[in-house]
Amino acid sequence: MTPDRMRIEGPVVRLRLPIVGRTWLATSHESCAELLKNSQDFARAPVKAGSRTQERILKVLPRTLGLLASNMLGHDDPEHRRLRAQVDDAFQRRTIAVLDSKSR
């Protein structure tokens, strides 16, 4: 599915990715922000969402790739909050907002 087609279908689309299988993909900044902030309805950690695929993939990846694949986006609170606090100064929200406004 092309990026243009995904945007036409809506802010969240269902698709099939190689290795991962069927998944949902947020297609806009707003939909990503909503999904990441809504911890009541959505889990960041694949295991909490009922998937063991990522866990299996991480076991067979070389260590360097595994470290890159295991980031704060794949963790729920309190671990996500702890990791976010460590990088928040480097990626201040106002800086991201400026970059986002320039990309529109």
C-alpha atoms as a PDB file:
ATOM      1  CA  MET A   1       0.000   0.000   0.000  1.00  0.00           C
ATOM      2  CA  THR A   2       1.417   3.384  -0.975  1.00  0.00           C
ATOM      3  CA  PRO A   3       1.662   6.302   1.486  1.00  0.00           C
ATOM      4  CA  ASP A   4      -0.857   8.295  -0.579  1.00  0.00           C
ATOM      5  CA  ARG A   5      -3.378   5.445  -0.467  1.00  0.00           C
ATOM      6  CA  MET A   6      -2.867   5.080   3.301  1.00  0.00           C
ATOM      7  CA  ARG A   7      -3.612   8.768   3.849  1.00  0.00           C
ATOM      8  CA  ILE A   8      -6.771   8.491   1.717  1.00  0.00           C
ATOM      9  CA  GLU A   9      -7.995   5.492   3.755  1.00  0.00           C
ATOM     10  CA  GLY A  10      -7.742   7.398   7.024  1.00  0.00           C
ATOM     11  CA  PRO A  11      -5.575   8.249  10.015  1.00  0.00           C
ATOM     12  CA  VAL A  12      -5.217   4.560  11.009  1.00  0.00           C
ATOM     13  CA  VAL A  13      -5.058   1.727   8.463  1.00  0.00           C
ATOM     14  CA  ARG A  14      -4.756  -2.026   8.733  1.00  0.00           C
ATOM     15  CA  LEU A  15      -2.109  -3.715   6.630  1.00  0.00           C
ATOM     16  CA  ARG A  16       0.159  -6.731   6.410  1.00  0.00           C
ATOM     17  CA  LEU A  17       3.891  -6.245   6.957  1.00  0.00           C
ATOM     18  CA  PRO A  18       6.567  -8.817   6.141  1.00  0.00           C
ATOM     19  CA  ILE A  19       7.587 -10.843   9.213  1.00  0.00           C
ATOM     20  CA  VAL A  20       5.253  -8.844  11.486  1.00  0.00           C
ATOM     21  CA  GLY A  21       1.987  -9.867   9.798  1.00  0.00           C
ATOM     22  CA  ARG A  22      -1.283  -7.966  10.161  1.00  0.00           C
ATOM     23  CA  THR A  23      -0.928  -4.724  12.045  1.00  0.00           C
ATOM     24  CA  TRP A  24      -2.353  -1.237  12.346  1.00  0.00           C
ATOM     25  CA  LEU A  25      -0.421   1.809  11.155  1.00  0.00           C
ATOM     26  CA  ALA A  26      -1.049   5.422  12.127  1.00  0.00           C
ATOM     27  CA  THR A  27      -0.618   7.642   9.054  1.00  0.00           C
ATOM     28  CA  SER A  28      -0.485  11.121  10.560  1.00  0.00           C
ATOM     29  CA  HIS A  29       1.271  12.904  13.395  1.00  0.00           C
ATOM     30  CA  GLU A  30      -2.063  13.506  15.101  1.00  0.00           C
ATOM     31  CA  SER A  31      -3.090   9.842  14.987  1.00  0.00           C
ATOM     32  CA  CYS A  32       0.345   8.738  16.249  1.00  0.00           C
ATOM     33  CA  ALA A  33       0.162  11.201  19.139  1.00  0.00           C
ATOM     34  CA  GLU A  34      -3.352  10.051  20.049  1.00  0.00           C
ATOM     35  CA  LEU A  35      -2.389   6.365  19.995  1.00  0.00           C
ATOM     36  CA  LEU A  36       0.761   6.904  22.038  1.00  0.00           C
ATOM     37  CA  LYS A  37      -1.040   8.984  24.679  1.00  0.00           C
ATOM     38  CA  ASN A  38      -4.053   6.686  25.066  1.00  0.00           C
ATOM     39  CA  SER A  39      -2.660   4.011  27.381  1.00  0.00           C
ATOM     40  CA  GLN A  40      -6.155   2.948  28.499  1.00  0.00           C
ATOM     41  CA  ASP A  41      -7.137   1.586  25.076  1.00  0.00           C
ATOM     42  CA  PHE A  42      -3.752   0.846  23.503  1.00  0.00           C
ATOM     43  CA  ALA A  43      -0.592  -0.912  24.658  1.00  0.00           C
ATOM     44  CA  ARG A  44       2.844   0.031  23.382  1.00  0.00           C
ATOM     45  CA  ALA A  45       4.481  -3.218  24.435  1.00  0.00           C
ATOM     46  CA  PRO A  46       3.636  -5.886  21.827  1.00  0.00           C
ATOM     47  CA  VAL A  47       3.401  -8.605  24.502  1.00  0.00           C
ATOM     48  CA  LYS A  48       0.718  -6.601  26.340  1.00  0.00           C
ATOM     49  CA  ALA A  49      -1.126  -6.230  23.029  1.00  0.00           C
ATOM     50  CA  GLY A  50      -1.181 -10.003  22.619  1.00  0.00           C
ATOM     51  CA  SER A  51       1.737 -10.381  20.174  1.00  0.00           C
ATOM     52  CA  ARG A  52       4.855 -12.442  20.741  1.00  0.00           C
ATOM     53  CA  THR A  53       6.230 -11.770  17.228  1.00  0.00           C
ATOM     54  CA  GLN A  54       8.539  -8.899  18.215  1.00  0.00           C
ATOM     55  CA  GLU A  55       9.833 -10.844  21.200  1.00  0.00           C
ATOM     56  CA  ARG A  56      10.754 -13.753  18.885  1.00  0.00           C
ATOM     57  CA  ILE A  57      12.344 -11.452  16.313  1.00  0.00           C
ATOM     58  CA  LEU A  58      14.482  -9.709  18.937  1.00  0.00           C
ATOM     59  CA  LYS A  59      15.893 -13.072  20.017  1.00  0.00           C
ATOM     60  CA  VAL A  60      17.308 -13.812  16.552  1.00  0.00           C
ATOM     61  CA  LEU A  61      18.510 -10.322  15.594  1.00  0.00           C
ATOM     62  CA  PRO A  62      22.172  -9.399  16.021  1.00  0.00           C
ATOM     63  CA  ARG A  63      22.658  -7.546  19.322  1.00  0.00           C
ATOM     64  CA  THR A  64      23.216  -4.150  17.658  1.00  0.00           C
ATOM     65  CA  LEU A  65      19.964  -4.362  15.692  1.00  0.00           C
ATOM     66  CA  GLY A  66      18.125  -5.681  18.736  1.00  0.00           C
ATOM     67  CA  LEU A  67      19.198  -2.625  20.725  1.00  0.00           C
ATOM     68  CA  LEU A  68      17.877  -0.322  17.994  1.00  0.00           C
ATOM     69  CA  ALA A  69      14.595  -2.232  17.739  1.00  0.00           C
ATOM     70  CA  SER A  70      14.030  -2.198  21.499  1.00  0.00           C
ATOM     71  CA  ASN A  71      13.292   1.470  22.136  1.00  0.00           C
ATOM     72  CA  MET A  72      10.996   3.498  24.358  1.00  0.00           C
ATOM     73  CA  LEU A  73       8.135   3.364  21.849  1.00  0.00           C
ATOM     74  CA  GLY A  74       7.785  -0.344  22.592  1.00  0.00           C
ATOM     75  CA  HIS A  75       7.386   0.117  26.353  1.00  0.00           C
ATOM     76  CA  ASP A  76       4.416   1.019  28.502  1.00  0.00           C
ATOM     77  CA  ASP A  77       4.609   3.117  31.666  1.00  0.00           C
ATOM     78  CA  PRO A  78       6.453   3.265  33.985  1.00  0.00           C
ATOM     79  CA  GLU A  79       9.397   2.106  31.799  1.00  0.00           C
ATOM     80  CA  HIS A  80       8.372   4.383  28.904  1.00  0.00           C
ATOM     81  CA  ARG A  81       8.209   7.391  31.229  1.00  0.00           C
ATOM     82  CA  ARG A  82      11.642   6.578  32.691  1.00  0.00           C
ATOM     83  CA  LEU A  83      13.243   6.294  29.251  1.00  0.00           C
ATOM     84  CA  ARG A  84      11.432   9.403  28.002  1.00  0.00           C
ATOM     85  CA  ALA A  85      12.810  11.450  30.909  1.00  0.00           C
ATOM     86  CA  GLN A  86      16.339  10.445  29.888  1.00  0.00           C
ATOM     87  CA  VAL A  87      15.986  11.826  26.349  1.00  0.00           C
ATOM     88  CA  ASP A  88      13.468  14.616  26.872  1.00  0.00           C
ATOM     89  CA  ASP A  89      16.079  17.378  27.060  1.00  0.00           C
ATOM     90  CA  ALA A  90      17.608  16.315  23.743  1.00  0.00           C
ATOM     91  CA  PHE A  91      14.207  16.182  22.061  1.00  0.00           C
ATOM     92  CA  GLN A  92      12.302  19.047  23.637  1.00  0.00           C
ATOM     93  CA  ARG A  93       8.686  19.323  22.574  1.00  0.00           C
ATOM     94  CA  ARG A  94       9.084  22.880  21.327  1.00  0.00           C
ATOM     95  CA  THR A  95      11.898  21.765  18.994  1.00  0.00           C
ATOM     96  CA  ILE A  96       9.746  18.965  17.575  1.00  0.00           C
ATOM     97  CA  ALA A  97       6.822  21.375  17.153  1.00  0.00           C
ATOM     98  CA  VAL A  98       9.003  23.740  15.104  1.00  0.00           C
ATOM     99  CA  LEU A  99      10.214  20.876  12.898  1.00  0.00           C
ATOM    100  CA  ASP A 100       6.644  19.626  12.473  1.00  0.00           C
ATOM    101  CA  SER A 101       5.346  23.051  11.445  1.00  0.00           C
ATOM    102  CA  LYS A 102       8.121  23.381   8.838  1.00  0.00           C
ATOM    103  CA  SER A 103       7.221  20.050   7.259  1.00  0.00           C
ATOM    104  CA  ARG A 104       3.648  21.117   6.461  1.00  0.00           C
END
